[in-house]
Amino acid sequence: MSTLYIRDVSEETAETLKRRAAASGLSLSAYVAGQLDSLAARPSNEEVVERLRSMDRTTGPSSSDILETLHENRR
């Protein structure tokens, strides 16, 4: 486990995090660690773009199929 020290957190942000931690029945440290885990688990925009670029799209619907379905669903 790593230890992080975060400086220059506004009082408003600190108080909000403390309230949310208390409402969740967690210590501030446990609450913030969970939030950081959630943040780190989300892919960055660059990772999403790379994942999309590496996908094989030759078997998916055509542009005309997509547009036709959109038009049908708008009626």
Protein backbone atom coordinates (compact mmCIF):
# COMPACT_ATOMS: atom_id res chain seq x y z
CA MET A 1 0.00 0.00 0.00
CA SER A 2 1.15 3.50 -0.77
CA THR A 3 0.61 6.57 1.35
CA LEU A 4 -0.44 9.78 -0.35
CA TYR A 5 -0.41 13.24 1.15
CA ILE A 6 -2.60 15.78 -0.59
CA ARG A 7 -1.87 19.45 -0.09
CA ASP A 8 -3.87 22.57 -0.86
CA VAL A 9 -7.33 21.03 -0.56
CA SER A 10 -9.90 23.76 0.00
CA GLU A 11 -11.81 23.78 3.29
CA GLU A 12 -15.07 23.41 1.37
CA THR A 13 -13.82 20.28 -0.41
CA ALA A 14 -12.42 18.81 2.81
CA GLU A 15 -15.70 19.39 4.67
CA THR A 16 -17.73 17.88 1.83
CA LEU A 17 -15.53 14.78 1.81
CA LYS A 18 -15.78 14.48 5.60
CA ARG A 19 -19.59 14.66 5.44
CA ARG A 20 -19.76 12.06 2.67
CA ALA A 21 -17.39 9.75 4.54
CA ALA A 22 -19.47 10.04 7.72
CA ALA A 23 -22.69 9.40 5.79
CA SER A 24 -21.08 6.26 4.34
CA GLY A 25 -19.90 5.10 7.76
CA LEU A 26 -16.27 5.36 6.72
CA SER A 27 -13.25 7.26 7.89
CA LEU A 28 -12.17 10.12 5.68
CA SER A 29 -9.09 8.15 4.67
CA ALA A 30 -11.10 5.04 3.71
CA TYR A 31 -13.67 7.11 1.81
CA VAL A 32 -11.07 9.03 -0.19
CA ALA A 33 -9.10 5.83 -0.90
CA GLY A 34 -12.28 4.25 -2.30
CA GLN A 35 -12.93 7.30 -4.46
CA LEU A 36 -9.36 7.20 -5.77
CA ASP A 37 -9.74 3.48 -6.55
CA SER A 38 -12.87 4.27 -8.57
CA LEU A 39 -11.13 7.09 -10.38
CA ALA A 40 -8.09 4.96 -11.20
CA ALA A 41 -10.29 2.11 -12.49
CA ARG A 42 -11.83 4.31 -15.19
CA PRO A 43 -9.91 4.37 -18.46
CA SER A 44 -8.43 7.65 -19.61
CA ASN A 45 -9.65 9.22 -22.85
CA GLU A 46 -6.45 8.08 -24.53
CA GLU A 47 -7.04 4.48 -23.40
CA VAL A 48 -10.61 4.56 -24.71
CA VAL A 49 -9.47 5.92 -28.07
CA GLU A 50 -6.76 3.27 -28.34
CA ARG A 51 -9.21 0.51 -27.44
CA LEU A 52 -11.66 1.74 -30.09
CA ARG A 53 -8.93 1.99 -32.72
CA SER A 54 -7.84 -1.58 -32.06
CA MET A 55 -11.35 -3.05 -32.44
CA ASP A 56 -12.28 -4.98 -35.56
CA ARG A 57 -15.26 -3.16 -37.04
CA THR A 58 -15.61 -5.10 -40.26
CA THR A 59 -18.52 -7.21 -39.00
CA GLY A 60 -20.63 -4.42 -37.48
CA PRO A 61 -23.63 -2.64 -38.99
CA SER A 62 -23.10 -0.26 -41.89
CA SER A 63 -23.64 3.47 -41.60
CA SER A 64 -26.82 3.18 -43.63
CA ASP A 65 -28.14 0.45 -41.27
CA ILE A 66 -27.50 2.71 -38.28
CA LEU A 67 -29.19 5.70 -39.91
CA GLU A 68 -32.17 3.60 -40.97
CA THR A 69 -32.63 2.32 -37.41
CA LEU A 70 -32.38 5.85 -36.04
CA HIS A 71 -35.03 7.09 -38.45
CA GLU A 72 -37.33 4.15 -37.64
CA ASN A 73 -37.04 4.80 -33.90
CA ARG A 74 -37.88 8.49 -34.31
CA ARG A 75 -41.24 7.78 -35.95
